[in-house]
Protein backbone atom coordinates (compact mmCIF):
# COMPACT_ATOMS: atom_id res chain seq x y z
CA MET A 1 109.24 88.61 74.07
CA THR A 2 111.55 86.48 71.90
CA LEU A 3 110.27 84.10 69.24
CA PHE A 4 111.83 81.25 71.25
CA ARG A 5 109.84 82.21 74.34
CA LEU A 6 106.59 82.46 72.38
CA PHE A 7 107.24 79.03 70.89
CA ALA A 8 108.02 77.60 74.34
CA ILE A 9 104.75 78.90 75.78
CA ALA A 10 102.78 77.59 72.80
CA SER A 11 104.48 74.21 73.12
CA ALA A 12 103.72 74.08 76.84
CA SER A 13 100.06 74.84 76.17
CA PHE A 14 99.92 72.01 73.62
CA LEU A 15 101.47 69.55 76.05
CA LEU A 16 98.98 70.51 78.74
CA ALA A 17 96.08 69.53 76.51
CA GLY A 18 97.45 66.06 75.79
CA PRO A 19 97.24 62.88 77.86
CA ALA A 20 99.54 62.34 80.82
CA ALA A 21 102.90 60.96 79.97
CA ALA A 22 103.68 57.49 81.30
CA GLN A 23 105.78 57.41 84.45
CA GLU A 24 109.36 56.73 83.42
CA PRO A 25 111.65 54.49 85.46
CA ASN A 26 114.64 56.10 87.19
CA THR A 27 112.97 59.50 86.98
CA ILE A 28 112.20 62.12 89.62
CA VAL A 29 109.16 64.16 88.63
CA VAL A 30 109.10 67.83 89.65
CA GLY A 31 105.91 69.78 89.02
CA GLN A 32 105.11 73.46 89.14
CA ALA A 33 102.03 75.62 88.61
CA ILE A 34 103.06 79.19 87.85
CA ASP A 35 101.91 82.25 85.93
CA LEU A 36 103.22 82.17 82.36
CA SER A 37 100.62 84.26 80.53
CA SER A 38 99.17 87.13 82.61
CA PRO A 39 100.36 90.72 82.06
CA ASN A 40 102.85 90.19 84.93
CA ALA A 41 104.05 86.78 83.74
CA SER A 42 107.64 87.90 83.13
CA VAL A 43 108.43 86.99 86.76
CA GLY A 44 107.18 83.43 86.33
CA ARG A 45 108.82 82.96 82.95
CA ASP A 46 112.23 84.03 84.23
CA TYR A 47 111.89 81.87 87.34
CA VAL A 48 111.01 78.84 85.20
CA ALA A 49 113.87 79.55 82.78
CA GLY A 50 116.37 79.41 85.65
CA ILE A 51 114.89 76.21 87.10
CA LYS A 52 114.78 74.48 83.71
CA THR A 53 118.35 75.55 82.96
CA TYR A 54 119.68 73.87 86.09
CA PHE A 55 117.66 70.69 85.51
CA ASP A 56 118.83 70.54 81.87
CA ALA A 57 122.46 70.82 83.00
CA LEU A 58 121.92 68.29 85.79
CA ASN A 59 120.35 65.74 83.44
CA ALA A 60 123.18 66.22 80.94
CA ALA A 61 125.62 65.36 83.74
CA GLY A 62 123.77 62.16 84.69
CA GLY A 63 120.97 63.41 86.94
CA VAL A 64 120.78 63.07 90.72
CA ASN A 65 121.45 59.76 92.46
CA GLY A 66 121.36 58.11 89.04
CA LYS A 67 117.90 59.49 88.22
CA ARG A 68 116.91 62.11 85.69
CA ILE A 69 114.67 65.05 86.54
CA ARG A 70 111.41 65.34 84.61
CA TYR A 71 110.19 68.92 85.03
CA ILE A 72 106.51 69.61 84.27
CA VAL A 73 105.32 73.22 84.24
CA ARG A 74 101.66 74.25 84.04
CA ASP A 75 100.38 77.78 83.52
CA ASP A 76 98.11 78.91 86.37
CA GLN A 77 97.39 82.25 84.62
CA ALA A 78 97.76 84.01 88.01
CA GLN A 79 94.31 82.66 88.97
CA ALA A 80 93.70 80.75 92.19
CA THR A 81 91.07 78.44 90.67
CA VAL A 82 93.35 77.50 87.79
CA ALA A 83 96.26 76.92 90.18
CA ALA A 84 94.16 74.50 92.23
CA LYS A 85 93.05 72.64 89.10
CA VAL A 86 96.47 72.18 87.52
CA VAL A 87 98.13 71.24 90.83
CA THR A 88 95.48 68.56 91.29
CA GLU A 89 96.38 67.24 87.83
CA LEU A 90 100.09 67.32 88.64
CA ILE A 91 99.53 65.30 91.81
CA GLU A 92 96.91 62.83 90.64
CA ARG A 93 97.72 62.40 86.97
CA ASP A 94 101.44 63.13 86.69
CA GLN A 95 102.26 61.67 90.12
CA ILE A 96 104.87 64.32 90.91
CA ASP A 97 107.50 63.70 93.56
CA PHE A 98 108.06 67.41 94.31
CA LEU A 99 105.97 70.57 93.93
CA LEU A 100 107.58 73.95 93.28
CA GLY A 101 105.64 77.11 94.09
CA GLY A 102 104.34 79.79 91.78
CA VAL A 103 103.95 83.55 92.03
CA GLY A 104 101.59 85.32 94.43
CA ASP A 105 99.77 84.82 97.71
CA SER A 106 96.35 83.86 96.34
CA THR A 107 97.58 81.07 94.07
CA ALA A 108 99.87 79.68 96.79
CA GLN A 109 97.03 79.63 99.29
CA ALA A 110 94.78 77.94 96.74
CA VAL A 111 97.36 75.19 96.30
CA LEU A 112 97.59 74.65 100.06
CA ASN A 113 93.77 74.40 100.25
CA THR A 114 93.51 71.90 97.39
CA PRO A 115 92.24 68.49 98.62
CA ALA A 116 94.76 66.64 96.46
CA PHE A 117 97.62 68.55 98.06
CA LYS A 118 96.24 67.99 101.56
CA ARG A 119 96.02 64.24 100.91
CA SER A 120 99.57 64.11 99.59
CA ASN A 121 102.83 64.14 101.50
CA LEU A 122 104.17 66.98 99.35
CA VAL A 123 105.79 70.21 100.54
CA LEU A 124 105.17 73.41 98.57
CA PHE A 125 108.74 74.46 97.87
CA ALA A 126 110.03 77.94 97.04
CA PRO A 127 106.86 79.91 96.19
CA LEU A 128 107.35 83.57 95.25
CA VAL A 129 104.81 85.16 97.55
CA ASP A 130 104.34 88.90 97.73
CA THR A 131 103.77 89.89 101.31
CA VAL A 132 102.43 87.22 103.63
CA GLU A 133 103.62 84.26 105.62
CA LEU A 134 101.43 81.38 104.48
CA ASN A 135 99.86 79.71 107.48
CA SER A 136 101.01 76.16 106.82
CA THR A 137 103.75 73.87 108.03
CA ARG A 138 103.93 72.35 104.55
CA VAL A 139 105.58 75.35 102.90
CA LEU A 140 109.33 75.73 102.64
CA PHE A 141 110.52 79.08 101.31
CA TRP A 142 113.85 79.46 99.58
CA ARG A 143 113.97 83.28 99.76
CA PRO A 144 113.88 85.61 102.78
CA SER A 145 110.50 86.93 103.90
CA TYR A 146 108.89 90.11 102.60
CA LEU A 147 109.41 91.71 106.00
CA GLN A 148 113.13 90.92 105.87
CA GLU A 149 113.32 92.61 102.48
CA VAL A 150 111.50 95.71 103.75
CA ARG A 151 113.73 95.92 106.80
CA HIS A 152 116.79 95.71 104.57
CA ILE A 153 115.47 98.61 102.47
CA LEU A 154 114.72 100.71 105.57
CA SER A 155 118.17 100.03 107.00
CA HIS A 156 119.74 101.07 103.70
CA PHE A 157 118.00 104.45 103.74
CA SER A 158 118.44 105.04 107.47
CA GLN A 159 122.20 104.90 106.85
CA LEU A 160 121.67 107.78 104.42
CA GLY A 161 119.96 109.81 107.16
CA MET A 162 116.46 109.59 105.69
CA THR A 163 113.77 109.47 108.38
CA ASP A 164 110.52 109.92 106.43
CA VAL A 165 109.00 107.74 103.73
CA GLY A 166 106.07 107.71 101.34
CA ILE A 167 104.27 104.54 100.28
CA ALA A 168 102.63 103.77 96.95
CA TYR A 169 100.55 100.61 97.06
CA GLN A 170 98.41 98.71 94.61
CA ASP A 171 94.67 98.53 95.21
CA ALA A 172 94.66 94.78 95.86
CA PRO A 173 94.09 92.77 99.06
CA TRP A 174 97.69 91.53 99.32
CA ALA A 175 99.08 95.05 98.82
CA GLN A 176 96.66 96.59 101.32
CA GLN A 177 97.75 94.04 103.94
CA ALA A 178 101.38 94.80 103.11
CA PHE A 179 100.67 98.51 103.50
CA ARG A 180 99.30 97.90 107.00
CA ASN A 181 102.29 95.71 107.92
CA LEU A 182 104.75 98.25 106.56
CA SER A 183 103.03 101.12 108.38
CA ALA A 184 103.36 99.17 111.64
CA GLU A 185 107.06 98.55 110.93
CA LEU A 186 107.61 102.27 110.32
CA ARG A 187 105.96 103.16 113.63
CA GLY A 188 108.13 100.64 115.44
CA ARG A 189 111.25 102.20 113.92
CA GLY A 190 110.20 105.78 114.54
CA VAL A 191 110.10 106.51 110.81
CA LYS A 192 107.55 109.09 109.69
CA LEU A 193 104.96 108.09 107.08
CA ASN A 194 104.99 111.17 104.86
CA GLY A 195 102.10 110.17 102.59
CA ALA A 196 100.51 107.32 100.68
CA ALA A 197 99.33 106.80 97.10
CA ARG A 198 96.72 104.16 96.32
CA LEU A 199 97.11 102.78 92.81
CA GLY A 200 93.97 101.52 91.08
CA ASN A 201 92.76 101.12 87.49
CA ASN A 202 91.95 104.79 86.84
CA GLU A 203 94.97 106.37 85.12
CA LYS A 204 93.91 109.94 85.86
CA GLN A 205 93.36 109.15 89.53
CA ASN A 206 96.71 107.35 89.73
CA ALA A 207 98.46 110.38 88.24
CA GLN A 208 96.83 112.61 90.88
CA GLU A 209 97.81 110.19 93.66
CA ALA A 210 101.44 110.19 92.45
CA ALA A 211 101.50 114.00 92.23
CA ASN A 212 100.04 114.37 95.73
CA LEU A 213 102.65 111.99 97.13
CA ALA A 214 105.43 113.98 95.47
CA THR A 215 104.11 117.23 96.96
CA GLY A 216 104.98 116.03 100.47
CA LYS A 217 108.65 115.61 99.40
CA PRO A 218 109.27 112.29 101.17
CA GLY A 219 112.87 111.24 101.73
CA PHE A 220 112.14 108.12 99.68
CA VAL A 221 109.15 106.07 98.54
CA ILE A 222 108.49 102.35 98.93
CA VAL A 223 106.27 100.81 96.25
CA ILE A 224 104.08 97.80 97.06
CA ALA A 225 102.86 96.73 93.62
CA ASP A 226 103.51 94.34 90.77
CA THR A 227 105.88 95.19 87.93
CA ILE A 228 103.30 96.82 85.66
CA SER A 229 101.71 98.96 88.38
CA THR A 230 105.16 99.98 89.62
CA SER A 231 106.21 101.06 86.14
CA LEU A 232 103.02 103.13 85.64
CA PHE A 233 103.49 104.78 89.04
CA LEU A 234 107.11 105.64 88.25
CA LYS A 235 106.20 107.31 84.96
CA GLU A 236 103.73 109.60 86.73
CA PHE A 237 105.76 110.19 89.91
CA ARG A 238 108.85 111.21 87.95
CA ARG A 239 106.95 114.15 86.43
CA SER A 240 106.93 115.78 89.88
CA ALA A 241 109.86 114.09 91.65
CA PRO A 242 112.60 113.21 89.16
CA GLN A 243 115.28 112.63 91.82
CA THR A 244 113.43 111.11 94.76
CA PHE A 245 114.55 107.58 95.60
CA VAL A 246 111.90 104.94 94.94
CA ALA A 247 112.38 101.47 96.41
CA GLY A 248 110.78 98.11 95.77
CA THR A 249 111.31 94.46 96.56
CA SER A 250 112.76 91.59 94.58
CA LEU A 251 109.57 90.43 92.85
CA ILE A 252 109.74 93.36 90.47
CA ASN A 253 111.13 92.21 87.14
CA LEU A 254 113.72 94.92 86.59
CA GLU A 255 114.21 94.51 82.86
CA THR A 256 110.46 94.64 82.28
CA LEU A 257 110.24 97.67 84.56
CA ARG A 258 112.85 99.56 82.56
CA GLU A 259 111.16 98.59 79.29
CA LEU A 260 107.74 99.82 80.44
CA ALA A 261 108.69 102.87 82.52
CA GLY A 262 111.63 104.05 80.43
CA ALA A 263 115.31 104.41 81.28
CA ARG A 264 114.93 107.90 82.74
CA ALA A 265 112.03 106.95 85.02
CA VAL A 266 113.97 104.09 86.64
CA GLU A 267 116.92 106.29 87.61
CA TRP A 268 117.02 106.86 91.38
CA THR A 269 115.27 103.54 92.02
CA VAL A 270 116.55 100.75 94.24
CA PHE A 271 115.32 97.21 94.74
CA SER A 272 116.12 94.59 97.33
CA GLN A 273 117.59 91.44 95.81
CA VAL A 274 117.64 87.91 97.23
CA VAL A 275 120.50 86.63 95.04
CA PRO A 276 123.86 88.12 94.02
CA ASN A 277 124.36 90.01 90.77
CA PRO A 278 123.26 87.60 87.99
CA ASN A 279 125.49 89.27 85.40
CA THR A 280 128.86 88.63 87.04
CA GLY A 281 130.80 85.47 87.85
CA LYS A 282 132.29 86.42 91.21
CA SER A 283 131.18 83.15 92.84
CA SER A 284 130.93 79.65 91.40
CA ILE A 285 127.11 79.67 91.51
CA GLN A 286 127.01 82.97 89.59
CA LEU A 287 129.46 81.67 87.00
CA GLU A 288 127.66 78.34 86.69
CA HIS A 289 124.36 80.15 86.14
CA LEU A 290 125.84 82.46 83.50
CA ASN A 291 127.47 79.60 81.59
CA MET A 292 124.42 77.35 81.68
CA MET A 293 122.04 80.14 80.68
CA LYS A 294 124.28 80.81 77.69
CA LYS A 295 124.32 77.13 76.81
CA TYR A 296 120.66 76.23 77.27
CA ARG A 297 118.63 79.45 76.87
CA ASP A 298 118.46 82.24 74.33
CA GLU A 299 117.40 84.90 76.85
CA PRO A 300 119.52 87.07 79.15
CA PRO A 301 120.14 86.15 82.79
CA SER A 302 118.26 88.02 85.49
CA SER A 303 117.93 87.93 89.26
CA LEU A 304 114.87 85.71 88.82
CA THR A 305 116.62 83.23 86.51
CA LEU A 306 119.43 83.01 89.07
CA GLU A 307 116.93 82.49 91.88
CA GLY A 308 115.24 79.70 89.91
CA PHE A 309 118.64 78.16 89.20
CA THR A 310 119.58 78.15 92.90
CA VAL A 311 116.17 76.80 93.93
CA ALA A 312 116.61 73.86 91.54
CA LYS A 313 120.15 73.26 92.78
CA THR A 314 118.97 73.35 96.40
CA LEU A 315 116.33 70.72 95.64
CA ALA A 316 118.90 68.51 93.91
CA LYS A 317 121.26 68.82 96.87
CA ALA A 318 118.44 67.93 99.28
CA ILE A 319 117.63 64.80 97.22
CA GLN A 320 121.29 63.79 97.19
CA ARG A 321 121.48 64.12 100.99
CA SER A 322 118.23 62.30 101.73
CA LYS A 323 118.66 59.15 103.81
CA ARG A 324 115.20 57.86 103.02
CA SER A 325 113.20 57.95 99.78
CA ASN A 326 113.74 60.75 97.29
CA GLN A 327 110.24 62.06 97.97
CA ALA A 328 111.06 62.65 101.66
CA ALA A 329 114.01 64.93 100.92
CA LEU A 330 112.25 68.22 101.71
CA GLN A 331 110.56 66.89 104.84
CA GLU A 332 113.96 65.73 106.09
CA LEU A 333 115.49 69.10 105.24
CA MET A 334 112.79 70.99 107.17
CA ASN A 335 113.54 68.98 110.30
CA GLN A 336 117.31 69.39 110.26
CA ASP A 337 119.83 71.96 111.38
CA THR A 338 122.09 71.93 108.36
CA ASN A 339 123.88 74.12 105.85
CA ILE A 340 124.01 73.59 102.09
CA ASP A 341 126.75 75.28 100.06
CA LEU A 342 125.54 76.13 96.57
CA GLY A 343 128.88 77.58 95.47
CA GLY A 344 129.58 80.88 97.21
CA LEU A 345 125.96 81.13 98.35
CA SER A 346 124.72 79.05 101.27
CA VAL A 347 121.28 78.12 102.56
CA THR A 348 120.53 77.03 106.11
CA ALA A 349 117.77 74.64 107.14
CA SER A 350 116.33 74.69 110.65
CA PRO A 351 113.16 73.33 112.29
CA ASN A 352 112.65 76.87 113.65
CA SER A 353 112.63 78.61 110.26
CA ARG A 354 110.80 78.05 106.98
CA HIS A 355 113.16 80.32 105.03
CA LEU A 356 116.34 78.67 103.75
CA SER A 357 118.15 81.79 102.54
CA GLY A 358 118.75 85.04 104.36
CA TYR A 359 120.77 86.62 101.54
CA LEU A 360 119.83 90.24 100.78
CA ASP A 361 121.39 92.91 98.61
CA ILE A 362 120.38 96.22 97.03
CA ALA A 363 120.37 96.94 93.29
CA LEU A 364 120.41 100.56 92.06
CA PHE A 365 119.47 101.80 88.60
CA LYS A 366 121.90 104.39 87.25
CA LYS A 367 122.22 105.99 83.82
CA ASN A 368 124.50 103.18 82.65
CA GLY A 369 122.31 100.37 83.99
CA LEU A 370 121.86 98.27 87.11
CA VAL A 371 124.47 98.36 89.88
CA PHE A 372 124.58 95.94 92.81
């Protein structure tokens, strides 16, 4: 972690302890509760970095509809109770106009259950949930669903003629539910489940689970786990299966994965991606993200910084298009059939879908790095 990032987190913690700032005129207040300090916080930090980068650039250019964005981020520590508490503060004390989502199913559900949120007219926008469709009409996702990502991975490997798969899943309620959903999807596609590894807190047991999974020689393995658990699984699995494809979804922080698992362990791994390559400027949104990250941040771009950047730009576009008050922009968007061009990447709103983007790609780790 860079010194800048440590300072930013420390500064954020200090601001959280202080009194609420006075509401500024001609300001749109955007709040977010997200994990910035747990062992898996690299996902949240990158997401926030991308969002903040776009808002910084937008404010420097005059804001949106003549108003500046005030972006308030609170650390929910990946805990549902903390998420509920800080979201209540954002709504009641900071009087936010928009609420961006955090990371994980449990914290998102806690926000939806919070009395202050229920009393408000807010929409929970662009949460990074792992595996479930949150049962609420007041959630608007930016990214495709988990099931869409899994189907994209399965289609990728079916084109390679692979018809059997192993699954490694974290010993957590969300991952167990995802395992059941994925198993049902495999049966529906006629894909054989070759074996499963359950990943808990016992390192010796995890190593045995990984070795047993490798013994079955699956065509490829899908991992349902957070970044740290995925990296630990890879290190053990590669001892027995150095060239078996391992696949995961877009909520794995790939740079953290390579740092923890090692460059050799991440070879022969692929991950679904919900944004284009963040390290090239093939489209205007990619180039804009690269230039603004270089200008406003001291950390490298990633798929998650680009996703945060596009989420922030989508919100700004929705506010610009709103025909009523700024605060109603997301409600209006959810009830429209419309397309928003972000610069070579489009999102589509529809009353029949709560997912704005259907973009999916595959990223592959090779010896010389990540290839989209």
